[in-house]
Each structure stands twice: as C-alpha cells, then as structure tokens.
Amino acid sequence: MAYGFWIVDIFCKNKFEGTPATVFLIDDFLDEVLMKNLAMEINTPETIFVKELSNGDFEAVCFCPASKGMNFGNALFAAAEVIKREKSIQKKEINIIHETKIFVVKFLDDGRIKIRFSSAK
C-alpha cells in the first residue's frame, strides 16, 4: 500500500523550526484503525486526513500518535496550506468539517491563513 502525505512545519519561517503536522489528501477515508496506525508510524504531534466534498468543502479527521484528536489546531493550518497549494484553490474561503464542527478557513492576500474555529454544523 502507498499513500502520499506532506509534513508541514506550522508557525515558523524556516524549515524544521515549527510544530510539524502530517497531512494526507485522500479520496475517501480509510479504515480508522489504519489511519490511527499511519499516524502512530509517522509520529508527528498531529496527523490529519482530508477529503474534498462535492460542494468544494473538505472533511477532516485528525489523530495524535496515541489517540483520535477531537480538538486539533496545528493540523488544520497544515491542511489549509496543503489544500491551497495542491488543489490550486482560488477561493478566498473554504470550510473544513470535522464531526459536528465547521472551521472557516480564510486565505489572506498576504499569504497568511486565518481559521475561525468551532462553528456549529
């Protein structure tokens, strides 16, 4: 089995100085045990699996090495950066949905990313 992923350093200007998070862009979610095992194998503080929905939003599930993450932050920023680059997002705003929450991601003109956390779904 082969899966592509990105390791993104969050909140830094230089490589290897930030907080790492792993991002998988997938067509459909994998078995939860497999996703958890991948997160444990990669062993970054957070691993996020993201799939694009038909309406242009994204759905995500996040794991810490030992458990399924319920509240994740760094991984959201990492996912937003990977989505912007790999999906060539031209919109200024996307939604990332996690369970019962919607996170509104705004891509600012200066390259920064802002996320409004925990809007009720």
PDB file of N, CA and C in Angstrom:
ATOM      1  N   MET A   1       0.842  -1.172   0.000  1.00  0.00           N
ATOM      2  CA  MET A   1       0.000   0.000   0.000  1.00  0.00           C
ATOM      3  C   MET A   1       0.884   1.231   0.000  1.00  0.00           C
ATOM      4  N   ALA A   2       0.451   2.265  -0.706  1.00  0.00           N
ATOM      5  CA  ALA A   2       1.213   3.509  -0.770  1.00  0.00           C
ATOM      6  C   ALA A   2       0.269   4.687  -0.634  1.00  0.00           C
ATOM      7  N   TYR A   3       0.647   5.622   0.202  1.00  0.00           N
ATOM      8  CA  TYR A   3      -0.130   6.834   0.409  1.00  0.00           C
ATOM      9  C   TYR A   3       0.837   8.015   0.401  1.00  0.00           C
ATOM     10  N   GLY A   4       0.469   9.069  -0.320  1.00  0.00           N
ATOM     11  CA  GLY A   4       1.284  10.274  -0.293  1.00  0.00           C
ATOM     12  C   GLY A   4       0.858  11.165   0.856  1.00  0.00           C
ATOM     13  N   PHE A   5       1.819  11.879   1.427  1.00  0.00           N
ATOM     14  CA  PHE A   5       1.500  12.793   2.516  1.00  0.00           C
ATOM     15  C   PHE A   5       2.523  13.908   2.551  1.00  0.00           C
ATOM     16  N   TRP A   6       2.185  14.959   3.286  1.00  0.00           N
ATOM     17  CA  TRP A   6       3.047  16.119   3.483  1.00  0.00           C
ATOM     18  C   TRP A   6       3.290  16.290   4.969  1.00  0.00           C
ATOM     19  N   ILE A   7       4.514  16.619   5.333  1.00  0.00           N
ATOM     20  CA  ILE A   7       4.811  17.036   6.700  1.00  0.00           C
ATOM     21  C   ILE A   7       5.063  18.537   6.631  1.00  0.00           C
ATOM     22  N   VAL A   8       4.254  19.278   7.364  1.00  0.00           N
ATOM     23  CA  VAL A   8       4.266  20.737   7.295  1.00  0.00           C
ATOM     24  C   VAL A   8       4.687  21.290   8.652  1.00  0.00           C
ATOM     25  N   ASP A   9       5.664  22.199   8.653  1.00  0.00           N
ATOM     26  CA  ASP A   9       6.039  22.899   9.882  1.00  0.00           C
ATOM     27  C   ASP A   9       5.136  24.117  10.027  1.00  0.00           C
ATOM     28  N   ILE A  10       4.437  24.189  11.136  1.00  0.00           N
ATOM     29  CA  ILE A  10       3.467  25.242  11.387  1.00  0.00           C
ATOM     30  C   ILE A  10       4.096  26.322  12.270  1.00  0.00           C
ATOM     31  N   PHE A  11       3.695  27.564  12.011  1.00  0.00           N
ATOM     32  CA  PHE A  11       4.077  28.710  12.836  1.00  0.00           C
ATOM     33  C   PHE A  11       5.591  28.939  12.864  1.00  0.00           C
ATOM     34  N   CYS A  12       6.203  28.915  11.692  1.00  0.00           N
ATOM     35  CA  CYS A  12       7.625  29.218  11.597  1.00  0.00           C
ATOM     36  C   CYS A  12       7.930  29.774  10.207  1.00  0.00           C
ATOM     37  N   LYS A  13       9.072  30.394  10.070  1.00  0.00           N
ATOM     38  CA  LYS A  13       9.505  30.915   8.775  1.00  0.00           C
ATOM     39  C   LYS A  13      10.553  30.020   8.136  1.00  0.00           C
ATOM     40  N   ASN A  14      11.203  29.171   8.927  1.00  0.00           N
ATOM     41  CA  ASN A  14      12.271  28.319   8.428  1.00  0.00           C
ATOM     42  C   ASN A  14      11.917  26.847   8.610  1.00  0.00           C
ATOM     43  N   LYS A  15      12.418  26.014   7.706  1.00  0.00           N
ATOM     44  CA  LYS A  15      12.178  24.574   7.788  1.00  0.00           C
ATOM     45  C   LYS A  15      12.743  24.016   9.096  1.00  0.00           C
ATOM     46  N   PHE A  16      12.053  23.019   9.610  1.00  0.00           N
ATOM     47  CA  PHE A  16      12.477  22.269  10.788  1.00  0.00           C
ATOM     48  C   PHE A  16      12.488  23.085  12.078  1.00  0.00           C
ATOM     49  N   GLU A  17      11.783  24.213  12.093  1.00  0.00           N
ATOM     50  CA  GLU A  17      11.737  25.028  13.308  1.00  0.00           C
ATOM     51  C   GLU A  17      10.342  25.124  13.906  1.00  0.00           C
ATOM     52  N   GLY A  18       9.327  24.700  13.187  1.00  0.00           N
ATOM     53  CA  GLY A  18       7.965  24.849  13.671  1.00  0.00           C
ATOM     54  C   GLY A  18       7.447  23.595  14.336  1.00  0.00           C
ATOM     55  N   THR A  19       6.156  23.557  14.488  1.00  0.00           N
ATOM     56  CA  THR A  19       5.485  22.375  15.011  1.00  0.00           C
ATOM     57  C   THR A  19       5.032  21.539  13.823  1.00  0.00           C
ATOM     58  N   PRO A  20       5.523  20.314  13.672  1.00  0.00           N
ATOM     59  CA  PRO A  20       5.161  19.523  12.494  1.00  0.00           C
ATOM     60  C   PRO A  20       3.773  18.912  12.610  1.00  0.00           C
ATOM     61  N   ALA A  21       3.121  18.824  11.459  1.00  0.00           N
ATOM     62  CA  ALA A  21       1.848  18.108  11.337  1.00  0.00           C
ATOM     63  C   ALA A  21       1.874  17.386   9.994  1.00  0.00           C
ATOM     64  N   THR A  22       1.278  16.229   9.933  1.00  0.00           N
ATOM     65  CA  THR A  22       1.226  15.436   8.709  1.00  0.00           C
ATOM     66  C   THR A  22      -0.156  15.575   8.084  1.00  0.00           C
ATOM     67  N   VAL A  23      -0.173  15.758   6.754  1.00  0.00           N
ATOM     68  CA  VAL A  23      -1.428  15.930   6.021  1.00  0.00           C
ATOM     69  C   VAL A  23      -1.524  14.856   4.932  1.00  0.00           C
ATOM     70  N   PHE A  24      -2.633  14.129   4.937  1.00  0.00           N
ATOM     71  CA  PHE A  24      -2.970  13.207   3.866  1.00  0.00           C
ATOM     72  C   PHE A  24      -4.157  13.788   3.111  1.00  0.00           C
ATOM     73  N   LEU A  25      -4.047  13.995   1.814  1.00  0.00           N
ATOM     74  CA  LEU A  25      -5.203  14.319   0.974  1.00  0.00           C
ATOM     75  C   LEU A  25      -5.664  13.005   0.370  1.00  0.00           C
ATOM     76  N   ILE A  26      -6.898  12.626   0.663  1.00  0.00           N
ATOM     77  CA  ILE A  26      -7.392  11.316   0.258  1.00  0.00           C
ATOM     78  C   ILE A  26      -8.727  11.458  -0.467  1.00  0.00           C
ATOM     79  N   ASP A  27      -9.052  10.457  -1.275  1.00  0.00           N
ATOM     80  CA  ASP A  27     -10.332  10.449  -1.987  1.00  0.00           C
ATOM     81  C   ASP A  27     -11.468  10.015  -1.071  1.00  0.00           C
ATOM     82  N   ASP A  28     -11.176   9.125  -0.145  1.00  0.00           N
ATOM     83  CA  ASP A  28     -12.161   8.662   0.822  1.00  0.00           C
ATOM     84  C   ASP A  28     -11.417   8.242   2.087  1.00  0.00           C
ATOM     85  N   PHE A  29     -12.082   8.340   3.209  1.00  0.00           N
ATOM     86  CA  PHE A  29     -11.436   7.987   4.464  1.00  0.00           C
ATOM     87  C   PHE A  29     -11.089   6.504   4.480  1.00  0.00           C
ATOM     88  N   LEU A  30      -9.960   6.211   5.077  1.00  0.00           N
ATOM     89  CA  LEU A  30      -9.505   4.847   5.254  1.00  0.00           C
ATOM     90  C   LEU A  30     -10.136   4.282   6.518  1.00  0.00           C
ATOM     91  N   ASP A  31      -9.935   3.013   6.743  1.00  0.00           N
ATOM     92  CA  ASP A  31     -10.367   2.396   7.987  1.00  0.00           C
ATOM     93  C   ASP A  31      -9.729   3.145   9.157  1.00  0.00           C
ATOM     94  N   GLU A  32     -10.489   3.407  10.196  1.00  0.00           N
ATOM     95  CA  GLU A  32      -9.999   4.212  11.313  1.00  0.00           C
ATOM     96  C   GLU A  32      -8.752   3.609  11.955  1.00  0.00           C
ATOM     97  N   VAL A  33      -8.701   2.290  12.059  1.00  0.00           N
ATOM     98  CA  VAL A  33      -7.517   1.641  12.636  1.00  0.00           C
ATOM     99  C   VAL A  33      -6.295   1.904  11.758  1.00  0.00           C
ATOM    100  N   LEU A  34      -6.458   1.836  10.440  1.00  0.00           N
ATOM    101  CA  LEU A  34      -5.355   2.105   9.528  1.00  0.00           C
ATOM    102  C   LEU A  34      -4.888   3.553   9.644  1.00  0.00           C
ATOM    103  N   MET A  35      -5.832   4.496   9.704  1.00  0.00           N
ATOM    104  CA  MET A  35      -5.443   5.904   9.850  1.00  0.00           C
ATOM    105  C   MET A  35      -4.691   6.120  11.156  1.00  0.00           C
ATOM    106  N   LYS A  36      -5.170   5.529  12.229  1.00  0.00           N
ATOM    107  CA  LYS A  36      -4.501   5.666  13.527  1.00  0.00           C
ATOM    108  C   LYS A  36      -3.104   5.063  13.475  1.00  0.00           C
ATOM    109  N   ASN A  37      -2.964   3.907  12.830  1.00  0.00           N
ATOM    110  CA  ASN A  37      -1.656   3.273  12.717  1.00  0.00           C
ATOM    111  C   ASN A  37      -0.697   4.111  11.870  1.00  0.00           C
ATOM    112  N   LEU A  38      -1.194   4.711  10.799  1.00  0.00           N
ATOM    113  CA  LEU A  38      -0.354   5.599   9.997  1.00  0.00           C
ATOM    114  C   LEU A  38       0.116   6.788  10.834  1.00  0.00           C
ATOM    115  N   ALA A  39      -0.796   7.353  11.620  1.00  0.00           N
ATOM    116  CA  ALA A  39      -0.430   8.480  12.495  1.00  0.00           C
ATOM    117  C   ALA A  39       0.630   8.060  13.508  1.00  0.00           C
ATOM    118  N   MET A  40       0.475   6.872  14.082  1.00  0.00           N
ATOM    119  CA  MET A  40       1.472   6.401  15.052  1.00  0.00           C
ATOM    120  C   MET A  40       2.814   6.149  14.374  1.00  0.00           C
ATOM    121  N   GLU A  41       2.795   5.613  13.164  1.00  0.00           N
ATOM    122  CA  GLU A  41       4.033   5.327  12.438  1.00  0.00           C
ATOM    123  C   GLU A  41       4.789   6.607  12.074  1.00  0.00           C
ATOM    124  N   ILE A  42       4.062   7.603  11.605  1.00  0.00           N
ATOM    125  CA  ILE A  42       4.695   8.862  11.206  1.00  0.00           C
ATOM    126  C   ILE A  42       5.140   9.638  12.436  1.00  0.00           C
ATOM    127  N   ASN A  43       4.322   9.608  13.486  1.00  0.00           N
ATOM    128  CA  ASN A  43       4.688  10.124  14.800  1.00  0.00           C
ATOM    129  C   ASN A  43       4.945  11.633  14.844  1.00  0.00           C
ATOM    130  N   THR A  44       4.164  12.410  14.088  1.00  0.00           N
ATOM    131  CA  THR A  44       4.166  13.854  14.300  1.00  0.00           C
ATOM    132  C   THR A  44       3.102  14.153  15.356  1.00  0.00           C
ATOM    133  N   PRO A  45       3.120  15.337  15.964  1.00  0.00           N
ATOM    134  CA  PRO A  45       2.125  15.620  17.009  1.00  0.00           C
ATOM    135  C   PRO A  45       0.684  15.459  16.543  1.00  0.00           C
ATOM    136  N   GLU A  46       0.403  15.771  15.267  1.00  0.00           N
ATOM    137  CA  GLU A  46      -0.943  15.600  14.718  1.00  0.00           C
ATOM    138  C   GLU A  46      -0.832  15.113  13.274  1.00  0.00           C
ATOM    139  N   THR A  47      -1.723  14.212  12.912  1.00  0.00           N
ATOM    140  CA  THR A  47      -1.848  13.736  11.535  1.00  0.00           C
ATOM    141  C   THR A  47      -3.293  13.933  11.121  1.00  0.00           C
ATOM    142  N   ILE A  48      -3.503  14.620  10.004  1.00  0.00           N
ATOM    143  CA  ILE A  48      -4.854  14.928   9.550  1.00  0.00           C
ATOM    144  C   ILE A  48      -5.100  14.291   8.186  1.00  0.00           C
ATOM    145  N   PHE A  49      -6.260  13.679   8.049  1.00  0.00           N
ATOM    146  CA  PHE A  49      -6.710  13.083   6.793  1.00  0.00           C
ATOM    147  C   PHE A  49      -7.839  13.960   6.273  1.00  0.00           C
ATOM    148  N   VAL A  50      -7.715  14.409   5.023  1.00  0.00           N
ATOM    149  CA  VAL A  50      -8.660  15.377   4.472  1.00  0.00           C
ATOM    150  C   VAL A  50      -9.171  14.886   3.128  1.00  0.00           C
ATOM    151  N   LYS A  51     -10.488  14.934   2.959  1.00  0.00           N
ATOM    152  CA  LYS A  51     -11.067  14.609   1.655  1.00  0.00           C
ATOM    153  C   LYS A  51     -11.943  15.760   1.188  1.00  0.00           C
ATOM    154  N   GLU A  52     -11.931  15.971  -0.123  1.00  0.00           N
ATOM    155  CA  GLU A  52     -12.738  17.040  -0.706  1.00  0.00           C
ATOM    156  C   GLU A  52     -14.158  16.538  -0.916  1.00  0.00           C
ATOM    157  N   LEU A  53     -15.118  17.380  -0.576  1.00  0.00           N
ATOM    158  CA  LEU A  53     -16.528  17.057  -0.773  1.00  0.00           C
ATOM    159  C   LEU A  53     -16.997  17.618  -2.113  1.00  0.00           C
ATOM    160  N   SER A  54     -18.117  17.151  -2.586  1.00  0.00           N
ATOM    161  CA  SER A  54     -18.623  17.565  -3.901  1.00  0.00           C
ATOM    162  C   SER A  54     -18.967  19.050  -3.972  1.00  0.00           C
ATOM    163  N   ASN A  55     -19.233  19.677  -2.832  1.00  0.00           N
ATOM    164  CA  ASN A  55     -19.591  21.104  -2.825  1.00  0.00           C
ATOM    165  C   ASN A  55     -18.376  22.028  -2.694  1.00  0.00           C
ATOM    166  N   GLY A  56     -17.160  21.464  -2.709  1.00  0.00           N
ATOM    167  CA  GLY A  56     -15.955  22.279  -2.592  1.00  0.00           C
ATOM    168  C   GLY A  56     -15.455  22.463  -1.171  1.00  0.00           C
ATOM    169  N   ASP A  57     -16.217  21.994  -0.189  1.00  0.00           N
ATOM    170  CA  ASP A  57     -15.747  21.982   1.189  1.00  0.00           C
ATOM    171  C   ASP A  57     -14.861  20.751   1.385  1.00  0.00           C
ATOM    172  N   PHE A  58     -14.310  20.623   2.579  1.00  0.00           N
ATOM    173  CA  PHE A  58     -13.444  19.497   2.899  1.00  0.00           C
ATOM    174  C   PHE A  58     -13.879  18.904   4.227  1.00  0.00           C
ATOM    175  N   GLU A  59     -13.692  17.613   4.358  1.00  0.00           N
ATOM    176  CA  GLU A  59     -13.981  16.925   5.616  1.00  0.00           C
ATOM    177  C   GLU A  59     -12.663  16.376   6.147  1.00  0.00           C
ATOM    178  N   ALA A  60     -12.495  16.414   7.460  1.00  0.00           N
ATOM    179  CA  ALA A  60     -11.221  16.004   8.039  1.00  0.00           C
ATOM    180  C   ALA A  60     -11.413  15.164   9.286  1.00  0.00           C
ATOM    181  N   VAL A  61     -10.435  14.299   9.515  1.00  0.00           N
ATOM    182  CA  VAL A  61     -10.322  13.574  10.776  1.00  0.00           C
ATOM    183  C   VAL A  61      -8.844  13.651  11.157  1.00  0.00           C
ATOM    184  N   CYS A  62      -8.591  13.827  12.453  1.00  0.00           N
ATOM    185  CA  CYS A  62      -7.229  14.055  12.927  1.00  0.00           C
ATOM    186  C   CYS A  62      -6.886  13.061  14.029  1.00  0.00           C
ATOM    187  N   PHE A  63      -5.625  12.638  14.027  1.00  0.00           N
ATOM    188  CA  PHE A  63      -5.143  11.714  15.045  1.00  0.00           C
ATOM    189  C   PHE A  63      -3.850  12.242  15.643  1.00  0.00           C
ATOM    190  N   CYS A  64      -3.728  12.077  16.944  1.00  0.00           N
ATOM    191  CA  CYS A  64      -2.446  12.240  17.616  1.00  0.00           C
ATOM    192  C   CYS A  64      -1.835  10.843  17.638  1.00  0.00           C
ATOM    193  N   PRO A  65      -0.548  10.699  17.889  1.00  0.00           N
ATOM    194  CA  PRO A  65       0.053   9.362  17.807  1.00  0.00           C
ATOM    195  C   PRO A  65      -0.666   8.296  18.629  1.00  0.00           C
ATOM    196  N   ALA A  66      -1.258   8.653  19.749  1.00  0.00           N
ATOM    197  CA  ALA A  66      -1.863   7.641  20.607  1.00  0.00           C
ATOM    198  C   ALA A  66      -3.392   7.652  20.593  1.00  0.00           C
ATOM    199  N   SER A  67      -4.018   8.677  20.000  1.00  0.00           N
ATOM    200  CA  SER A  67      -5.471   8.739  20.094  1.00  0.00           C
ATOM    201  C   SER A  67      -6.058   9.559  18.964  1.00  0.00           C
ATOM    202  N   LYS A  68      -7.348   9.423  18.770  1.00  0.00           N
ATOM    203  CA  LYS A  68      -8.057  10.243  17.798  1.00  0.00           C
ATOM    204  C   LYS A  68      -8.209  11.639  18.378  1.00  0.00           C
ATOM    205  N   GLY A  69      -7.773  12.644  17.644  1.00  0.00           N
ATOM    206  CA  GLY A  69      -7.829  14.012  18.139  1.00  0.00           C
ATOM    207  C   GLY A  69      -9.216  14.611  17.993  1.00  0.00           C
ATOM    208  N   MET A  70      -9.724  15.180  19.040  1.00  0.00           N
ATOM    209  CA  MET A  70     -11.030  15.816  18.985  1.00  0.00           C
ATOM    210  C   MET A  70     -10.897  17.314  18.722  1.00  0.00           C
ATOM    211  N   ASN A  71      -9.938  17.936  19.338  1.00  0.00           N
ATOM    212  CA  ASN A  71      -9.676  19.352  19.109  1.00  0.00           C
ATOM    213  C   ASN A  71      -8.274  19.470  18.533  1.00  0.00           C
ATOM    214  N   PHE A  72      -8.196  19.885  17.305  1.00  0.00           N
ATOM    215  CA  PHE A  72      -6.897  19.983  16.660  1.00  0.00           C
ATOM    216  C   PHE A  72      -6.773  21.364  16.056  1.00  0.00           C
ATOM    217  N   GLY A  73      -5.588  21.914  16.083  1.00  0.00           N
ATOM    218  CA  GLY A  73      -5.377  23.253  15.571  1.00  0.00           C
ATOM    219  C   GLY A  73      -4.259  23.303  14.561  1.00  0.00           C
ATOM    220  N   ASN A  74      -3.066  22.866  14.966  1.00  0.00           N
ATOM    221  CA  ASN A  74      -1.927  22.907  14.059  1.00  0.00           C
ATOM    222  C   ASN A  74      -2.220  22.152  12.768  1.00  0.00           C
ATOM    223  N   ALA A  75      -2.847  20.999  12.882  1.00  0.00           N
ATOM    224  CA  ALA A  75      -3.131  20.192  11.702  1.00  0.00           C
ATOM    225  C   ALA A  75      -4.087  20.903  10.752  1.00  0.00           C
ATOM    226  N   LEU A  76      -5.002  21.705  11.283  1.00  0.00           N
ATOM    227  CA  LEU A  76      -5.907  22.474  10.419  1.00  0.00           C
ATOM    228  C   LEU A  76      -5.135  23.474   9.569  1.00  0.00           C
ATOM    229  N   PHE A  77      -4.185  24.171  10.179  1.00  0.00           N
ATOM    230  CA  PHE A  77      -3.377  25.121   9.421  1.00  0.00           C
ATOM    231  C   PHE A  77      -2.537  24.395   8.374  1.00  0.00           C
ATOM    232  N   ALA A  78      -1.979  23.254   8.747  1.00  0.00           N
ATOM    233  CA  ALA A  78      -1.189  22.462   7.797  1.00  0.00           C
ATOM    234  C   ALA A  78      -2.062  21.996   6.636  1.00  0.00           C
ATOM    235  N   ALA A  79      -3.258  21.503   6.948  1.00  0.00           N
ATOM    236  CA  ALA A  79      -4.171  21.043   5.902  1.00  0.00           C
ATOM    237  C   ALA A  79      -4.572  22.185   4.975  1.00  0.00           C
ATOM    238  N   ALA A  80      -4.854  23.351   5.546  1.00  0.00           N
ATOM    239  CA  ALA A  80      -5.236  24.503   4.727  1.00  0.00           C
ATOM    240  C   ALA A  80      -4.124  24.867   3.754  1.00  0.00           C
ATOM    241  N   GLU A  81      -2.890  24.851   4.217  1.00  0.00           N
ATOM    242  CA  GLU A  81      -1.748  25.168   3.348  1.00  0.00           C
ATOM    243  C   GLU A  81      -1.607  24.143   2.226  1.00  0.00           C
ATOM    244  N   VAL A  82      -1.728  22.868   2.557  1.00  0.00           N
ATOM    245  CA  VAL A  82      -1.612  21.816   1.537  1.00  0.00           C
ATOM    246  C   VAL A  82      -2.775  21.897   0.551  1.00  0.00           C
ATOM    247  N   ILE A  83      -3.986  22.114   1.043  1.00  0.00           N
ATOM    248  CA  ILE A  83      -5.146  22.251   0.158  1.00  0.00           C
ATOM    249  C   ILE A  83      -4.939  23.417  -0.805  1.00  0.00           C
ATOM    250  N   LYS A  84      -4.504  24.541  -0.274  1.00  0.00           N
ATOM    251  CA  LYS A  84      -4.299  25.732  -1.104  1.00  0.00           C
ATOM    252  C   LYS A  84      -3.295  25.450  -2.219  1.00  0.00           C
ATOM    253  N   ARG A  85      -2.195  24.805  -1.894  1.00  0.00           N
ATOM    254  CA  ARG A  85      -1.144  24.544  -2.879  1.00  0.00           C
ATOM    255  C   ARG A  85      -1.482  23.396  -3.830  1.00  0.00           C
ATOM    256  N   GLU A  86      -1.940  22.288  -3.281  1.00  0.00           N
ATOM    257  CA  GLU A  86      -2.134  21.084  -4.094  1.00  0.00           C
ATOM    258  C   GLU A  86      -3.440  21.078  -4.876  1.00  0.00           C
ATOM    259  N   LYS A  87      -4.454  21.729  -4.357  1.00  0.00           N
ATOM    260  CA  LYS A  87      -5.753  21.782  -5.037  1.00  0.00           C
ATOM    261  C   LYS A  87      -5.909  23.066  -5.840  1.00  0.00           C
ATOM    262  N   SER A  88      -4.896  23.914  -5.827  1.00  0.00           N
ATOM    263  CA  SER A  88      -4.925  25.197  -6.545  1.00  0.00           C
ATOM    264  C   SER A  88      -6.195  25.984  -6.234  1.00  0.00           C
ATOM    265  N   ILE A  89      -6.482  26.108  -4.960  1.00  0.00           N
ATOM    266  CA  ILE A  89      -7.683  26.809  -4.505  1.00  0.00           C
ATOM    267  C   ILE A  89      -7.572  28.286  -4.877  1.00  0.00           C
ATOM    268  N   GLN A  90      -8.566  28.773  -5.573  1.00  0.00           N
ATOM    269  CA  GLN A  90      -8.607  30.189  -5.944  1.00  0.00           C
ATOM    270  C   GLN A  90      -9.564  30.975  -5.060  1.00  0.00           C
ATOM    271  N   LYS A  91     -10.429  30.252  -4.331  1.00  0.00           N
ATOM    272  CA  LYS A  91     -11.382  30.916  -3.448  1.00  0.00           C
ATOM    273  C   LYS A  91     -10.649  31.525  -2.262  1.00  0.00           C
ATOM    274  N   LYS A  92     -11.244  32.534  -1.692  1.00  0.00           N
ATOM    275  CA  LYS A  92     -10.683  33.194  -0.507  1.00  0.00           C
ATOM    276  C   LYS A  92     -11.084  32.492   0.780  1.00  0.00           C
ATOM    277  N   GLU A  93     -12.061  31.576   0.684  1.00  0.00           N
ATOM    278  CA  GLU A  93     -12.586  30.945   1.893  1.00  0.00           C
ATOM    279  C   GLU A  93     -13.050  29.531   1.571  1.00  0.00           C
ATOM    280  N   ILE A  94     -12.706  28.592   2.452  1.00  0.00           N
ATOM    281  CA  ILE A  94     -13.204  27.215   2.358  1.00  0.00           C
ATOM    282  C   ILE A  94     -13.654  26.788   3.747  1.00  0.00           C
ATOM    283  N   ASN A  95     -14.395  25.708   3.807  1.00  0.00           N
ATOM    284  CA  ASN A  95     -14.804  25.121   5.075  1.00  0.00           C
ATOM    285  C   ASN A  95     -14.141  23.759   5.226  1.00  0.00           C
ATOM    286  N   ILE A  96     -13.645  23.489   6.430  1.00  0.00           N
ATOM    287  CA  ILE A  96     -13.169  22.159   6.780  1.00  0.00           C
ATOM    288  C   ILE A  96     -14.084  21.650   7.886  1.00  0.00           C
ATOM    289  N   ILE A  97     -14.720  20.536   7.631  1.00  0.00           N
ATOM    290  CA  ILE A  97     -15.714  19.981   8.550  1.00  0.00           C
ATOM    291  C   ILE A  97     -15.083  18.831   9.324  1.00  0.00           C
ATOM    292  N   HIS A  98     -15.271  18.857  10.625  1.00  0.00           N
ATOM    293  CA  HIS A  98     -14.800  17.779  11.495  1.00  0.00           C
ATOM    294  C   HIS A  98     -15.937  17.428  12.447  1.00  0.00           C
ATOM    295  N   GLU A  99     -16.486  16.245  12.261  1.00  0.00           N
ATOM    296  CA  GLU A  99     -17.598  15.756  13.061  1.00  0.00           C
ATOM    297  C   GLU A  99     -18.730  16.780  13.065  1.00  0.00           C
ATOM    298  N   THR A 100     -18.994  17.451  14.180  1.00  0.00           N
ATOM    299  CA  THR A 100     -20.124  18.378  14.243  1.00  0.00           C
ATOM    300  C   THR A 100     -19.685  19.841  14.147  1.00  0.00           C
ATOM    301  N   LYS A 101     -18.436  20.084  13.751  1.00  0.00           N
ATOM    302  CA  LYS A 101     -17.927  21.454  13.707  1.00  0.00           C
ATOM    303  C   LYS A 101     -17.499  21.838  12.302  1.00  0.00           C
ATOM    304  N   ILE A 102     -17.656  23.112  12.005  1.00  0.00           N
ATOM    305  CA  ILE A 102     -17.181  23.671  10.744  1.00  0.00           C
ATOM    306  C   ILE A 102     -16.109  24.697  11.079  1.00  0.00           C
ATOM    307  N   PHE A 103     -14.969  24.568  10.438  1.00  0.00           N
ATOM    308  CA  PHE A 103     -13.871  25.521  10.599  1.00  0.00           C
ATOM    309  C   PHE A 103     -13.778  26.319   9.310  1.00  0.00           C
ATOM    310  N   VAL A 104     -13.964  27.623   9.401  1.00  0.00           N
ATOM    311  CA  VAL A 104     -13.933  28.500   8.233  1.00  0.00           C
ATOM    312  C   VAL A 104     -12.495  28.963   8.032  1.00  0.00           C
ATOM    313  N   VAL A 105     -11.927  28.588   6.881  1.00  0.00           N
ATOM    314  CA  VAL A 105     -10.538  28.904   6.562  1.00  0.00           C
ATOM    315  C   VAL A 105     -10.526  30.069   5.582  1.00  0.00           C
ATOM    316  N   LYS A 106      -9.816  31.138   5.936  1.00  0.00           N
ATOM    317  CA  LYS A 106      -9.693  32.300   5.053  1.00  0.00           C
ATOM    318  C   LYS A 106      -8.252  32.420   4.585  1.00  0.00           C
ATOM    319  N   PHE A 107      -8.084  32.529   3.264  1.00  0.00           N
ATOM    320  CA  PHE A 107      -6.771  32.734   2.665  1.00  0.00           C
ATOM    321  C   PHE A 107      -6.597  34.229   2.426  1.00  0.00           C
ATOM    322  N   LEU A 108      -5.697  34.849   3.159  1.00  0.00           N
ATOM    323  CA  LEU A 108      -5.490  36.288   3.061  1.00  0.00           C
ATOM    324  C   LEU A 108      -4.555  36.617   1.899  1.00  0.00           C
ATOM    325  N   ASP A 109      -4.675  37.820   1.384  1.00  0.00           N
ATOM    326  CA  ASP A 109      -3.872  38.250   0.234  1.00  0.00           C
ATOM    327  C   ASP A 109      -2.375  38.211   0.504  1.00  0.00           C
ATOM    328  N   ASP A 110      -1.966  38.368   1.757  1.00  0.00           N
ATOM    329  CA  ASP A 110      -0.539  38.375   2.079  1.00  0.00           C
ATOM    330  C   ASP A 110       0.024  36.970   2.315  1.00  0.00           C
ATOM    331  N   GLY A 111      -0.786  35.926   2.033  1.00  0.00           N
ATOM    332  CA  GLY A 111      -0.327  34.547   2.174  1.00  0.00           C
ATOM    333  C   GLY A 111      -0.645  33.907   3.507  1.00  0.00           C
ATOM    334  N   ARG A 112      -1.094  34.699   4.472  1.00  0.00           N
ATOM    335  CA  ARG A 112      -1.447  34.136   5.771  1.00  0.00           C
ATOM    336  C   ARG A 112      -2.778  33.400   5.678  1.00  0.00           C
ATOM    337  N   ILE A 113      -3.013  32.561   6.658  1.00  0.00           N
ATOM    338  CA  ILE A 113      -4.253  31.792   6.753  1.00  0.00           C
ATOM    339  C   ILE A 113      -4.884  32.106   8.099  1.00  0.00           C
ATOM    340  N   LYS A 114      -6.180  32.414   8.097  1.00  0.00           N
ATOM    341  CA  LYS A 114      -6.937  32.617   9.333  1.00  0.00           C
ATOM    342  C   LYS A 114      -8.011  31.537   9.401  1.00  0.00           C
ATOM    343  N   ILE A 115      -8.224  31.024  10.592  1.00  0.00           N
ATOM    344  CA  ILE A 115      -9.252  29.997  10.780  1.00  0.00           C
ATOM    345  C   ILE A 115     -10.158  30.419  11.924  1.00  0.00           C
ATOM    346  N   ARG A 116     -11.457  30.417  11.640  1.00  0.00           N
ATOM    347  CA  ARG A 116     -12.462  30.656  12.677  1.00  0.00           C
ATOM    348  C   ARG A 116     -12.898  29.279  13.167  1.00  0.00           C
ATOM    349  N   PHE A 117     -12.640  29.007  14.425  1.00  0.00           N
ATOM    350  CA  PHE A 117     -12.845  27.683  14.995  1.00  0.00           C
ATOM    351  C   PHE A 117     -14.266  27.461  15.492  1.00  0.00           C
ATOM    352  N   SER A 118     -14.687  26.233  15.353  1.00  0.00           N
ATOM    353  CA  SER A 118     -15.834  25.661  16.048  1.00  0.00           C
ATOM    354  C   SER A 118     -17.178  26.328  15.810  1.00  0.00           C
ATOM    355  N   SER A 119     -17.495  26.619  14.584  1.00  0.00           N
ATOM    356  CA  SER A 119     -18.860  26.991  14.269  1.00  0.00           C
ATOM    357  C   SER A 119     -19.692  25.719  14.311  1.00  0.00           C
ATOM    358  N   ALA A 120     -20.877  25.792  14.865  1.00  0.00           N
ATOM    359  CA  ALA A 120     -21.728  24.603  14.931  1.00  0.00           C
ATOM    360  C   ALA A 120     -22.170  24.217  13.531  1.00  0.00           C
ATOM    361  N   LYS A 121     -22.174  22.932  13.249  1.00  0.00           N
ATOM    362  CA  LYS A 121     -22.581  22.423  11.936  1.00  0.00           C
ATOM    363  C   LYS A 121     -24.075  22.406  11.834  1.00  0.00           C
TER     364      LYS A 121
END
